[in-house]
Amino acid sequence: MAQQYLPLLVIFAVGTLIALIALALGMIFGPRRPTARKSAPYESGMVPYGPGRRRISVRYYLIAVLFILFDIEVVFVVSWAVVLRKLGMYGLIGMLVFLVVLEIAHLYAWKKGALEWD
């Protein structure tokens, strides 16, 4: 049983060794000229304001979850539309159930005001 995992262990060891060698070579031969400007925090080309660990509104996460919801919907609906004729009535009913669940999520988000842009 252990011999079945030996090739996997060898691949993992070789990969780890190559990664460590690459890191070591970068640290040994890489340029090291730290300056105050290089050590300053970088924020999309703008001078950062406030502490780096400030609180972020929950609204940010809500928008991210809504993006994932719409993204998943598009991926499944497009792939379903491509093979609709092969799936037949079973595929149609399955997609209708999926879309009803997604519409419930959309209505919930709309009721909570997540789709309002302030």
PDB file of N, CA and C in Angstrom:
ATOM      1  N   MET A   1       0.828  -1.194   0.000  1.00  0.00           N
ATOM      2  CA  MET A   1       0.000   0.000   0.000  1.00  0.00           C
ATOM      3  C   MET A   1       0.877   1.264   0.000  1.00  0.00           C
ATOM      4  N   ALA A   2       1.933   1.257   0.778  1.00  0.00           N
ATOM      5  CA  ALA A   2       2.792   2.437   0.866  1.00  0.00           C
ATOM      6  C   ALA A   2       3.543   2.680  -0.440  1.00  0.00           C
ATOM      7  N   GLN A   3       3.804   1.609  -1.212  1.00  0.00           N
ATOM      8  CA  GLN A   3       4.521   1.774  -2.476  1.00  0.00           C
ATOM      9  C   GLN A   3       3.681   2.521  -3.511  1.00  0.00           C
ATOM     10  N   GLN A   4       2.357   2.511  -3.369  1.00  0.00           N
ATOM     11  CA  GLN A   4       1.506   3.244  -4.295  1.00  0.00           C
ATOM     12  C   GLN A   4       1.680   4.750  -4.142  1.00  0.00           C
ATOM     13  N   TYR A   5       1.995   5.196  -2.941  1.00  0.00           N
ATOM     14  CA  TYR A   5       2.145   6.626  -2.661  1.00  0.00           C
ATOM     15  C   TYR A   5       3.573   7.116  -2.840  1.00  0.00           C
ATOM     16  N   LEU A   6       4.508   6.218  -3.095  1.00  0.00           N
ATOM     17  CA  LEU A   6       5.911   6.600  -3.239  1.00  0.00           C
ATOM     18  C   LEU A   6       6.137   7.577  -4.399  1.00  0.00           C
ATOM     19  N   PRO A   7       5.585   7.364  -5.599  1.00  0.00           N
ATOM     20  CA  PRO A   7       5.784   8.358  -6.671  1.00  0.00           C
ATOM     21  C   PRO A   7       5.229   9.742  -6.313  1.00  0.00           C
ATOM     22  N   LEU A   8       4.096   9.764  -5.636  1.00  0.00           N
ATOM     23  CA  LEU A   8       3.517  11.032  -5.216  1.00  0.00           C
ATOM     24  C   LEU A   8       4.419  11.743  -4.212  1.00  0.00           C
ATOM     25  N   LEU A   9       4.987  10.986  -3.299  1.00  0.00           N
ATOM     26  CA  LEU A   9       5.910  11.545  -2.312  1.00  0.00           C
ATOM     27  C   LEU A   9       7.170  12.081  -2.981  1.00  0.00           C
ATOM     28  N   VAL A  10       7.662  11.366  -3.979  1.00  0.00           N
ATOM     29  CA  VAL A  10       8.868  11.813  -4.698  1.00  0.00           C
ATOM     30  C   VAL A  10       8.575  13.117  -5.444  1.00  0.00           C
ATOM     31  N   ILE A  11       7.422  13.187  -6.112  1.00  0.00           N
ATOM     32  CA  ILE A  11       7.057  14.407  -6.839  1.00  0.00           C
ATOM     33  C   ILE A  11       6.923  15.574  -5.879  1.00  0.00           C
ATOM     34  N   PHE A  12       6.298  15.351  -4.742  1.00  0.00           N
ATOM     35  CA  PHE A  12       6.142  16.411  -3.742  1.00  0.00           C
ATOM     36  C   PHE A  12       7.501  16.864  -3.217  1.00  0.00           C
ATOM     37  N   ALA A  13       8.407  15.922  -2.951  1.00  0.00           N
ATOM     38  CA  ALA A  13       9.737  16.270  -2.443  1.00  0.00           C
ATOM     39  C   ALA A  13      10.537  17.051  -3.483  1.00  0.00           C
ATOM     40  N   VAL A  14      10.477  16.629  -4.745  1.00  0.00           N
ATOM     41  CA  VAL A  14      11.216  17.330  -5.794  1.00  0.00           C
ATOM     42  C   VAL A  14      10.657  18.736  -5.990  1.00  0.00           C
ATOM     43  N   GLY A  15       9.335  18.865  -5.976  1.00  0.00           N
ATOM     44  CA  GLY A  15       8.722  20.192  -6.116  1.00  0.00           C
ATOM     45  C   GLY A  15       9.099  21.112  -4.976  1.00  0.00           C
ATOM     46  N   THR A  16       9.071  20.592  -3.751  1.00  0.00           N
ATOM     47  CA  THR A  16       9.468  21.387  -2.591  1.00  0.00           C
ATOM     48  C   THR A  16      10.930  21.796  -2.685  1.00  0.00           C
ATOM     49  N   LEU A  17      11.783  20.878  -3.103  1.00  0.00           N
ATOM     50  CA  LEU A  17      13.213  21.171  -3.231  1.00  0.00           C
ATOM     51  C   LEU A  17      13.448  22.254  -4.291  1.00  0.00           C
ATOM     52  N   ILE A  18      12.777  22.168  -5.424  1.00  0.00           N
ATOM     53  CA  ILE A  18      12.946  23.177  -6.477  1.00  0.00           C
ATOM     54  C   ILE A  18      12.470  24.541  -5.985  1.00  0.00           C
ATOM     55  N   ALA A  19      11.352  24.582  -5.255  1.00  0.00           N
ATOM     56  CA  ALA A  19      10.855  25.852  -4.728  1.00  0.00           C
ATOM     57  C   ALA A  19      11.835  26.449  -3.722  1.00  0.00           C
ATOM     58  N   LEU A  20      12.379  25.628  -2.850  1.00  0.00           N
ATOM     59  CA  LEU A  20      13.345  26.130  -1.860  1.00  0.00           C
ATOM     60  C   LEU A  20      14.623  26.626  -2.530  1.00  0.00           C
ATOM     61  N   ILE A  21      15.073  25.910  -3.546  1.00  0.00           N
ATOM     62  CA  ILE A  21      16.276  26.347  -4.273  1.00  0.00           C
ATOM     63  C   ILE A  21      16.018  27.689  -4.964  1.00  0.00           C
ATOM     64  N   ALA A  22      14.862  27.847  -5.576  1.00  0.00           N
ATOM     65  CA  ALA A  22      14.540  29.114  -6.251  1.00  0.00           C
ATOM     66  C   ALA A  22      14.485  30.258  -5.245  1.00  0.00           C
ATOM     67  N   LEU A  23      13.886  30.030  -4.096  1.00  0.00           N
ATOM     68  CA  LEU A  23      13.846  31.079  -3.066  1.00  0.00           C
ATOM     69  C   LEU A  23      15.240  31.422  -2.557  1.00  0.00           C
ATOM     70  N   ALA A  24      16.044  30.404  -2.325  1.00  0.00           N
ATOM     71  CA  ALA A  24      17.400  30.651  -1.829  1.00  0.00           C
ATOM     72  C   ALA A  24      18.238  31.414  -2.853  1.00  0.00           C
ATOM     73  N   LEU A  25      18.147  31.045  -4.128  1.00  0.00           N
ATOM     74  CA  LEU A  25      18.903  31.754  -5.159  1.00  0.00           C
ATOM     75  C   LEU A  25      18.460  33.209  -5.265  1.00  0.00           C
ATOM     76  N   GLY A  26      17.166  33.457  -5.133  1.00  0.00           N
ATOM     77  CA  GLY A  26      16.682  34.829  -5.169  1.00  0.00           C
ATOM     78  C   GLY A  26      17.187  35.642  -3.994  1.00  0.00           C
ATOM     79  N   MET A  27      17.235  35.020  -2.831  1.00  0.00           N
ATOM     80  CA  MET A  27      17.717  35.741  -1.647  1.00  0.00           C
ATOM     81  C   MET A  27      19.229  35.976  -1.720  1.00  0.00           C
ATOM     82  N   ILE A  28      19.968  35.037  -2.275  1.00  0.00           N
ATOM     83  CA  ILE A  28      21.432  35.163  -2.333  1.00  0.00           C
ATOM     84  C   ILE A  28      21.862  36.143  -3.424  1.00  0.00           C
ATOM     85  N   PHE A  29      21.329  35.990  -4.624  1.00  0.00           N
ATOM     86  CA  PHE A  29      21.797  36.776  -5.751  1.00  0.00           C
ATOM     87  C   PHE A  29      20.914  37.971  -6.107  1.00  0.00           C
ATOM     88  N   GLY A  30      19.777  38.106  -5.479  1.00  0.00           N
ATOM     89  CA  GLY A  30      18.869  39.205  -5.787  1.00  0.00           C
ATOM     90  C   GLY A  30      19.365  40.537  -5.266  1.00  0.00           C
ATOM     91  N   PRO A  31      18.962  41.640  -5.916  1.00  0.00           N
ATOM     92  CA  PRO A  31      19.400  42.963  -5.464  1.00  0.00           C
ATOM     93  C   PRO A  31      18.713  43.324  -4.141  1.00  0.00           C
ATOM     94  N   ARG A  32      19.512  43.930  -3.267  1.00  0.00           N
ATOM     95  CA  ARG A  32      18.968  44.386  -1.982  1.00  0.00           C
ATOM     96  C   ARG A  32      19.428  45.804  -1.739  1.00  0.00           C
ATOM     97  N   ARG A  33      18.634  46.748  -2.174  1.00  0.00           N
ATOM     98  CA  ARG A  33      18.908  48.154  -1.923  1.00  0.00           C
ATOM     99  C   ARG A  33      17.642  48.798  -1.379  1.00  0.00           C
ATOM    100  N   PRO A  34      17.307  48.535  -0.133  1.00  0.00           N
ATOM    101  CA  PRO A  34      16.068  49.097   0.406  1.00  0.00           C
ATOM    102  C   PRO A  34      16.169  50.606   0.581  1.00  0.00           C
ATOM    103  N   THR A  35      15.109  51.291   0.208  1.00  0.00           N
ATOM    104  CA  THR A  35      15.004  52.726   0.424  1.00  0.00           C
ATOM    105  C   THR A  35      13.674  52.998   1.117  1.00  0.00           C
ATOM    106  N   ALA A  36      13.513  54.201   1.586  1.00  0.00           N
ATOM    107  CA  ALA A  36      12.250  54.549   2.256  1.00  0.00           C
ATOM    108  C   ALA A  36      11.096  54.473   1.276  1.00  0.00           C
ATOM    109  N   ARG A  37      11.330  54.859   0.041  1.00  0.00           N
ATOM    110  CA  ARG A  37      10.264  54.817  -0.967  1.00  0.00           C
ATOM    111  C   ARG A  37       9.865  53.386  -1.304  1.00  0.00           C
ATOM    112  N   LYS A  38      10.830  52.486  -1.404  1.00  0.00           N
ATOM    113  CA  LYS A  38      10.522  51.091  -1.695  1.00  0.00           C
ATOM    114  C   LYS A  38       9.824  50.413  -0.526  1.00  0.00           C
ATOM    115  N   SER A  39      10.103  50.836   0.675  1.00  0.00           N
ATOM    116  CA  SER A  39       9.505  50.226   1.862  1.00  0.00           C
ATOM    117  C   SER A  39       8.132  50.795   2.188  1.00  0.00           C
ATOM    118  N   ALA A  40       7.742  51.872   1.519  1.00  0.00           N
ATOM    119  CA  ALA A  40       6.436  52.487   1.781  1.00  0.00           C
ATOM    120  C   ALA A  40       5.315  51.607   1.233  1.00  0.00           C
ATOM    121  N   PRO A  41       4.171  51.613   1.875  1.00  0.00           N
ATOM    122  CA  PRO A  41       3.047  50.826   1.364  1.00  0.00           C
ATOM    123  C   PRO A  41       2.568  51.363   0.025  1.00  0.00           C
ATOM    124  N   TYR A  42       2.127  50.475  -0.831  1.00  0.00           N
ATOM    125  CA  TYR A  42       1.684  50.834  -2.180  1.00  0.00           C
ATOM    126  C   TYR A  42       0.207  50.503  -2.298  1.00  0.00           C
ATOM    127  N   GLU A  43      -0.582  51.457  -2.764  1.00  0.00           N
ATOM    128  CA  GLU A  43      -2.017  51.239  -2.877  1.00  0.00           C
ATOM    129  C   GLU A  43      -2.506  51.808  -4.198  1.00  0.00           C
ATOM    130  N   SER A  44      -2.388  51.032  -5.246  1.00  0.00           N
ATOM    131  CA  SER A  44      -2.875  51.391  -6.569  1.00  0.00           C
ATOM    132  C   SER A  44      -2.316  52.731  -7.056  1.00  0.00           C
ATOM    133  N   GLY A  45      -1.091  53.030  -6.777  1.00  0.00           N
ATOM    134  CA  GLY A  45      -0.469  54.245  -7.250  1.00  0.00           C
ATOM    135  C   GLY A  45      -0.843  55.490  -6.473  1.00  0.00           C
ATOM    136  N   MET A  46      -1.616  55.329  -5.416  1.00  0.00           N
ATOM    137  CA  MET A  46      -2.045  56.478  -4.619  1.00  0.00           C
ATOM    138  C   MET A  46      -1.389  56.398  -3.238  1.00  0.00           C
ATOM    139  N   VAL A  47      -1.267  57.541  -2.618  1.00  0.00           N
ATOM    140  CA  VAL A  47      -0.737  57.567  -1.262  1.00  0.00           C
ATOM    141  C   VAL A  47      -1.819  57.003  -0.336  1.00  0.00           C
ATOM    142  N   PRO A  48      -1.510  55.939   0.407  1.00  0.00           N
ATOM    143  CA  PRO A  48      -2.523  55.345   1.272  1.00  0.00           C
ATOM    144  C   PRO A  48      -2.882  56.285   2.422  1.00  0.00           C
ATOM    145  N   TYR A  49      -4.116  56.207   2.846  1.00  0.00           N
ATOM    146  CA  TYR A  49      -4.563  57.015   3.978  1.00  0.00           C
ATOM    147  C   TYR A  49      -5.125  56.075   5.039  1.00  0.00           C
ATOM    148  N   GLY A  50      -4.932  56.432   6.268  1.00  0.00           N
ATOM    149  CA  GLY A  50      -5.452  55.641   7.381  1.00  0.00           C
ATOM    150  C   GLY A  50      -4.647  54.379   7.616  1.00  0.00           C
ATOM    151  N   PRO A  51      -4.988  53.670   8.662  1.00  0.00           N
ATOM    152  CA  PRO A  51      -4.264  52.427   8.973  1.00  0.00           C
ATOM    153  C   PRO A  51      -4.618  51.328   7.969  1.00  0.00           C
ATOM    154  N   GLY A  52      -3.724  50.380   7.810  1.00  0.00           N
ATOM    155  CA  GLY A  52      -3.956  49.285   6.884  1.00  0.00           C
ATOM    156  C   GLY A  52      -4.963  48.276   7.385  1.00  0.00           C
ATOM    157  N   ARG A  53      -5.265  48.301   8.656  1.00  0.00           N
ATOM    158  CA  ARG A  53      -6.196  47.332   9.232  1.00  0.00           C
ATOM    159  C   ARG A  53      -7.503  47.988   9.652  1.00  0.00           C
ATOM    160  N   ARG A  54      -7.958  48.956   8.893  1.00  0.00           N
ATOM    161  CA  ARG A  54      -9.221  49.598   9.239  1.00  0.00           C
ATOM    162  C   ARG A  54     -10.387  48.675   8.898  1.00  0.00           C
ATOM    163  N   ARG A  55     -11.513  48.925   9.495  1.00  0.00           N
ATOM    164  CA  ARG A  55     -12.691  48.084   9.290  1.00  0.00           C
ATOM    165  C   ARG A  55     -13.291  48.361   7.915  1.00  0.00           C
ATOM    166  N   ILE A  56     -13.740  47.306   7.283  1.00  0.00           N
ATOM    167  CA  ILE A  56     -14.373  47.412   5.977  1.00  0.00           C
ATOM    168  C   ILE A  56     -15.854  47.130   6.159  1.00  0.00           C
ATOM    169  N   SER A  57     -16.658  47.884   5.476  1.00  0.00           N
ATOM    170  CA  SER A  57     -18.097  47.736   5.578  1.00  0.00           C
ATOM    171  C   SER A  57     -18.535  46.345   5.123  1.00  0.00           C
ATOM    172  N   VAL A  58     -19.565  45.841   5.745  1.00  0.00           N
ATOM    173  CA  VAL A  58     -20.122  44.547   5.368  1.00  0.00           C
ATOM    174  C   VAL A  58     -20.680  44.619   3.948  1.00  0.00           C
ATOM    175  N   ARG A  59     -21.034  45.793   3.514  1.00  0.00           N
ATOM    176  CA  ARG A  59     -21.574  45.998   2.172  1.00  0.00           C
ATOM    177  C   ARG A  59     -20.595  45.515   1.101  1.00  0.00           C
ATOM    178  N   TYR A  60     -19.312  45.670   1.366  1.00  0.00           N
ATOM    179  CA  TYR A  60     -18.293  45.201   0.425  1.00  0.00           C
ATOM    180  C   TYR A  60     -18.429  43.695   0.219  1.00  0.00           C
ATOM    181  N   TYR A  61     -18.572  42.946   1.282  1.00  0.00           N
ATOM    182  CA  TYR A  61     -18.697  41.496   1.187  1.00  0.00           C
ATOM    183  C   TYR A  61     -20.025  41.104   0.544  1.00  0.00           C
ATOM    184  N   LEU A  62     -21.065  41.862   0.810  1.00  0.00           N
ATOM    185  CA  LEU A  62     -22.359  41.589   0.213  1.00  0.00           C
ATOM    186  C   LEU A  62     -22.298  41.746  -1.304  1.00  0.00           C
ATOM    187  N   ILE A  63     -21.619  42.771  -1.766  1.00  0.00           N
ATOM    188  CA  ILE A  63     -21.460  42.971  -3.209  1.00  0.00           C
ATOM    189  C   ILE A  63     -20.625  41.839  -3.810  1.00  0.00           C
ATOM    190  N   ALA A  64     -19.614  41.391  -3.093  1.00  0.00           N
ATOM    191  CA  ALA A  64     -18.795  40.279  -3.581  1.00  0.00           C
ATOM    192  C   ALA A  64     -19.625  39.002  -3.693  1.00  0.00           C
ATOM    193  N   VAL A  65     -20.465  38.730  -2.715  1.00  0.00           N
ATOM    194  CA  VAL A  65     -21.311  37.535  -2.757  1.00  0.00           C
ATOM    195  C   VAL A  65     -22.323  37.641  -3.894  1.00  0.00           C
ATOM    196  N   LEU A  66     -22.878  38.837  -4.107  1.00  0.00           N
ATOM    197  CA  LEU A  66     -23.814  39.018  -5.213  1.00  0.00           C
ATOM    198  C   LEU A  66     -23.122  38.814  -6.560  1.00  0.00           C
ATOM    199  N   PHE A  67     -21.895  39.270  -6.680  1.00  0.00           N
ATOM    200  CA  PHE A  67     -21.145  39.046  -7.913  1.00  0.00           C
ATOM    201  C   PHE A  67     -20.982  37.551  -8.166  1.00  0.00           C
ATOM    202  N   ILE A  68     -20.632  36.810  -7.138  1.00  0.00           N
ATOM    203  CA  ILE A  68     -20.481  35.359  -7.281  1.00  0.00           C
ATOM    204  C   ILE A  68     -21.812  34.722  -7.656  1.00  0.00           C
ATOM    205  N   LEU A  69     -22.895  35.191  -7.062  1.00  0.00           N
ATOM    206  CA  LEU A  69     -24.227  34.670  -7.368  1.00  0.00           C
ATOM    207  C   LEU A  69     -24.564  34.882  -8.844  1.00  0.00           C
ATOM    208  N   PHE A  70     -24.365  36.089  -9.361  1.00  0.00           N
ATOM    209  CA  PHE A  70     -24.645  36.362 -10.766  1.00  0.00           C
ATOM    210  C   PHE A  70     -23.693  35.588 -11.677  1.00  0.00           C
ATOM    211  N   ASP A  71     -22.447  35.463 -11.270  1.00  0.00           N
ATOM    212  CA  ASP A  71     -21.458  34.758 -12.071  1.00  0.00           C
ATOM    213  C   ASP A  71     -21.816  33.286 -12.208  1.00  0.00           C
ATOM    214  N   ILE A  72     -22.174  32.655 -11.112  1.00  0.00           N
ATOM    215  CA  ILE A  72     -22.560  31.242 -11.141  1.00  0.00           C
ATOM    216  C   ILE A  72     -23.807  31.057 -11.992  1.00  0.00           C
ATOM    217  N   GLU A  73     -24.719  31.985 -11.871  1.00  0.00           N
ATOM    218  CA  GLU A  73     -25.940  31.901 -12.670  1.00  0.00           C
ATOM    219  C   GLU A  73     -25.618  31.928 -14.162  1.00  0.00           C
ATOM    220  N   VAL A  74     -24.768  32.824 -14.580  1.00  0.00           N
ATOM    221  CA  VAL A  74     -24.424  32.935 -15.996  1.00  0.00           C
ATOM    222  C   VAL A  74     -23.707  31.676 -16.476  1.00  0.00           C
ATOM    223  N   VAL A  75     -22.778  31.163 -15.689  1.00  0.00           N
ATOM    224  CA  VAL A  75     -22.032  29.970 -16.091  1.00  0.00           C
ATOM    225  C   VAL A  75     -22.972  28.782 -16.297  1.00  0.00           C
ATOM    226  N   PHE A  76     -23.891  28.568 -15.362  1.00  0.00           N
ATOM    227  CA  PHE A  76     -24.777  27.420 -15.479  1.00  0.00           C
ATOM    228  C   PHE A  76     -25.842  27.605 -16.555  1.00  0.00           C
ATOM    229  N   VAL A  77     -26.380  28.806 -16.699  1.00  0.00           N
ATOM    230  CA  VAL A  77     -27.428  29.016 -17.698  1.00  0.00           C
ATOM    231  C   VAL A  77     -26.856  28.906 -19.109  1.00  0.00           C
ATOM    232  N   VAL A  78     -25.681  29.446 -19.352  1.00  0.00           N
ATOM    233  CA  VAL A  78     -25.087  29.359 -20.692  1.00  0.00           C
ATOM    234  C   VAL A  78     -24.747  27.909 -21.035  1.00  0.00           C
ATOM    235  N   SER A  79     -24.134  27.186 -20.102  1.00  0.00           N
ATOM    236  CA  SER A  79     -23.798  25.789 -20.387  1.00  0.00           C
ATOM    237  C   SER A  79     -25.059  24.949 -20.546  1.00  0.00           C
ATOM    238  N   TRP A  80     -26.104  25.256 -19.800  1.00  0.00           N
ATOM    239  CA  TRP A  80     -27.378  24.552 -19.943  1.00  0.00           C
ATOM    240  C   TRP A  80     -27.991  24.830 -21.314  1.00  0.00           C
ATOM    241  N   ALA A  81     -27.921  26.071 -21.773  1.00  0.00           N
ATOM    242  CA  ALA A  81     -28.513  26.428 -23.059  1.00  0.00           C
ATOM    243  C   ALA A  81     -27.816  25.718 -24.216  1.00  0.00           C
ATOM    244  N   VAL A  82     -26.537  25.441 -24.062  1.00  0.00           N
ATOM    245  CA  VAL A  82     -25.797  24.769 -25.126  1.00  0.00           C
ATOM    246  C   VAL A  82     -26.279  23.328 -25.306  1.00  0.00           C
ATOM    247  N   VAL A  83     -26.621  22.649 -24.215  1.00  0.00           N
ATOM    248  CA  VAL A  83     -27.009  21.236 -24.288  1.00  0.00           C
ATOM    249  C   VAL A  83     -28.492  21.023 -23.992  1.00  0.00           C
ATOM    250  N   LEU A  84     -29.309  22.029 -24.184  1.00  0.00           N
ATOM    251  CA  LEU A  84     -30.730  21.944 -23.835  1.00  0.00           C
ATOM    252  C   LEU A  84     -31.442  20.820 -24.574  1.00  0.00           C
ATOM    253  N   ARG A  85     -31.192  20.662 -25.849  1.00  0.00           N
ATOM    254  CA  ARG A  85     -31.898  19.638 -26.620  1.00  0.00           C
ATOM    255  C   ARG A  85     -31.547  18.227 -26.162  1.00  0.00           C
ATOM    256  N   LYS A  86     -30.326  18.009 -25.714  1.00  0.00           N
ATOM    257  CA  LYS A  86     -29.919  16.682 -25.230  1.00  0.00           C
ATOM    258  C   LYS A  86     -30.544  16.367 -23.877  1.00  0.00           C
ATOM    259  N   LEU A  87     -30.756  17.380 -23.051  1.00  0.00           N
ATOM    260  CA  LEU A  87     -31.284  17.160 -21.703  1.00  0.00           C
ATOM    261  C   LEU A  87     -32.778  16.892 -21.691  1.00  0.00           C
ATOM    262  N   GLY A  88     -33.489  17.477 -22.611  1.00  0.00           N
ATOM    263  CA  GLY A  88     -34.926  17.254 -22.700  1.00  0.00           C
ATOM    264  C   GLY A  88     -35.691  17.896 -21.554  1.00  0.00           C
ATOM    265  N   MET A  89     -36.836  17.301 -21.217  1.00  0.00           N
ATOM    266  CA  MET A  89     -37.720  17.840 -20.186  1.00  0.00           C
ATOM    267  C   MET A  89     -37.073  17.798 -18.804  1.00  0.00           C
ATOM    268  N   TYR A  90     -36.290  16.749 -18.535  1.00  0.00           N
ATOM    269  CA  TYR A  90     -35.615  16.635 -17.237  1.00  0.00           C
ATOM    270  C   TYR A  90     -34.658  17.815 -17.025  1.00  0.00           C
ATOM    271  N   GLY A  91     -33.938  18.186 -18.044  1.00  0.00           N
ATOM    272  CA  GLY A  91     -33.017  19.316 -17.951  1.00  0.00           C
ATOM    273  C   GLY A  91     -33.749  20.629 -17.793  1.00  0.00           C
ATOM    274  N   LEU A  92     -34.895  20.760 -18.463  1.00  0.00           N
ATOM    275  CA  LEU A  92     -35.689  21.977 -18.353  1.00  0.00           C
ATOM    276  C   LEU A  92     -36.236  22.152 -16.937  1.00  0.00           C
ATOM    277  N   ILE A  93     -36.756  21.088 -16.372  1.00  0.00           N
ATOM    278  CA  ILE A  93     -37.299  21.165 -15.007  1.00  0.00           C
ATOM    279  C   ILE A  93     -36.183  21.429 -14.004  1.00  0.00           C
ATOM    280  N   GLY A  94     -35.049  20.782 -14.187  1.00  0.00           N
ATOM    281  CA  GLY A  94     -33.912  21.021 -13.294  1.00  0.00           C
ATOM    282  C   GLY A  94     -33.446  22.464 -13.325  1.00  0.00           C
ATOM    283  N   MET A  95     -33.385  23.044 -14.528  1.00  0.00           N
ATOM    284  CA  MET A  95     -32.962  24.435 -14.650  1.00  0.00           C
ATOM    285  C   MET A  95     -34.006  25.379 -14.076  1.00  0.00           C
ATOM    286  N   LEU A  96     -35.278  25.052 -14.238  1.00  0.00           N
ATOM    287  CA  LEU A  96     -36.323  25.894 -13.643  1.00  0.00           C
ATOM    288  C   LEU A  96     -36.219  25.907 -12.116  1.00  0.00           C
ATOM    289  N   VAL A  97     -35.933  24.766 -11.518  1.00  0.00           N
ATOM    290  CA  VAL A  97     -35.739  24.721 -10.058  1.00  0.00           C
ATOM    291  C   VAL A  97     -34.534  25.573  -9.667  1.00  0.00           C
ATOM    292  N   PHE A  98     -33.455  25.453 -10.423  1.00  0.00           N
ATOM    293  CA  PHE A  98     -32.247  26.241 -10.155  1.00  0.00           C
ATOM    294  C   PHE A  98     -32.534  27.734 -10.255  1.00  0.00           C
ATOM    295  N   LEU A  99     -33.260  28.127 -11.303  1.00  0.00           N
ATOM    296  CA  LEU A  99     -33.566  29.545 -11.489  1.00  0.00           C
ATOM    297  C   LEU A  99     -34.526  30.063 -10.420  1.00  0.00           C
ATOM    298  N   VAL A 100     -35.457  29.245  -9.960  1.00  0.00           N
ATOM    299  CA  VAL A 100     -36.361  29.668  -8.883  1.00  0.00           C
ATOM    300  C   VAL A 100     -35.573  29.920  -7.605  1.00  0.00           C
ATOM    301  N   VAL A 101     -34.637  29.042  -7.286  1.00  0.00           N
ATOM    302  CA  VAL A 101     -33.802  29.249  -6.088  1.00  0.00           C
ATOM    303  C   VAL A 101     -32.974  30.521  -6.237  1.00  0.00           C
ATOM    304  N   LEU A 102     -32.407  30.759  -7.407  1.00  0.00           N
ATOM    305  CA  LEU A 102     -31.624  31.978  -7.621  1.00  0.00           C
ATOM    306  C   LEU A 102     -32.499  33.227  -7.551  1.00  0.00           C
ATOM    307  N   GLU A 103     -33.714  33.146  -8.071  1.00  0.00           N
ATOM    308  CA  GLU A 103     -34.599  34.309  -7.992  1.00  0.00           C
ATOM    309  C   GLU A 103     -35.006  34.609  -6.551  1.00  0.00           C
ATOM    310  N   ILE A 104     -35.151  33.587  -5.743  1.00  0.00           N
ATOM    311  CA  ILE A 104     -35.419  33.811  -4.311  1.00  0.00           C
ATOM    312  C   ILE A 104     -34.242  34.560  -3.688  1.00  0.00           C
ATOM    313  N   ALA A 105     -33.020  34.173  -4.063  1.00  0.00           N
ATOM    314  CA  ALA A 105     -31.833  34.875  -3.558  1.00  0.00           C
ATOM    315  C   ALA A 105     -31.801  36.315  -4.053  1.00  0.00           C
ATOM    316  N   HIS A 106     -32.161  36.529  -5.312  1.00  0.00           N
ATOM    317  CA  HIS A 106     -32.187  37.894  -5.860  1.00  0.00           C
ATOM    318  C   HIS A 106     -33.222  38.756  -5.142  1.00  0.00           C
ATOM    319  N   LEU A 107     -34.412  38.187  -4.933  1.00  0.00           N
ATOM    320  CA  LEU A 107     -35.456  38.942  -4.242  1.00  0.00           C
ATOM    321  C   LEU A 107     -35.052  39.275  -2.811  1.00  0.00           C
ATOM    322  N   TYR A 108     -34.382  38.345  -2.145  1.00  0.00           N
ATOM    323  CA  TYR A 108     -33.905  38.599  -0.792  1.00  0.00           C
ATOM    324  C   TYR A 108     -32.890  39.739  -0.782  1.00  0.00           C
ATOM    325  N   ALA A 109     -31.970  39.702  -1.744  1.00  0.00           N
ATOM    326  CA  ALA A 109     -30.959  40.769  -1.826  1.00  0.00           C
ATOM    327  C   ALA A 109     -31.613  42.104  -2.143  1.00  0.00           C
ATOM    328  N   TRP A 110     -32.609  42.090  -3.007  1.00  0.00           N
ATOM    329  CA  TRP A 110     -33.318  43.317  -3.364  1.00  0.00           C
ATOM    330  C   TRP A 110     -34.070  43.865  -2.165  1.00  0.00           C
ATOM    331  N   LYS A 111     -34.705  42.983  -1.403  1.00  0.00           N
ATOM    332  CA  LYS A 111     -35.447  43.409  -0.206  1.00  0.00           C
ATOM    333  C   LYS A 111     -34.517  44.002   0.837  1.00  0.00           C
ATOM    334  N   LYS A 112     -33.323  43.460   0.961  1.00  0.00           N
ATOM    335  CA  LYS A 112     -32.344  43.952   1.936  1.00  0.00           C
ATOM    336  C   LYS A 112     -31.639  45.218   1.469  1.00  0.00           C
ATOM    337  N   GLY A 113     -31.883  45.631   0.224  1.00  0.00           N
ATOM    338  CA  GLY A 113     -31.263  46.845  -0.292  1.00  0.00           C
ATOM    339  C   GLY A 113     -29.855  46.658  -0.810  1.00  0.00           C
ATOM    340  N   ALA A 114     -29.479  45.414  -1.099  1.00  0.00           N
ATOM    341  CA  ALA A 114     -28.112  45.155  -1.553  1.00  0.00           C
ATOM    342  C   ALA A 114     -27.877  45.644  -2.971  1.00  0.00           C
ATOM    343  N   LEU A 115     -28.933  45.838  -3.753  1.00  0.00           N
ATOM    344  CA  LEU A 115     -28.766  46.267  -5.137  1.00  0.00           C
ATOM    345  C   LEU A 115     -28.828  47.781  -5.283  1.00  0.00           C
ATOM    346  N   GLU A 116     -28.958  48.501  -4.196  1.00  0.00           N
ATOM    347  CA  GLU A 116     -28.991  49.967  -4.212  1.00  0.00           C
ATOM    348  C   GLU A 116     -27.561  50.493  -4.217  1.00  0.00           C
ATOM    349  N   TRP A 117     -27.277  51.413  -5.128  1.00  0.00           N
ATOM    350  CA  TRP A 117     -25.952  52.023  -5.194  1.00  0.00           C
ATOM    351  C   TRP A 117     -26.037  53.418  -4.566  1.00  0.00           C
ATOM    352  N   ASP A 118     -25.394  53.556  -3.441  1.00  0.00           N
ATOM    353  CA  ASP A 118     -25.404  54.844  -2.728  1.00  0.00           C
ATOM    354  C   ASP A 118     -24.235  55.703  -3.137  1.00  0.00           C
TER     355      ASP A 118
END
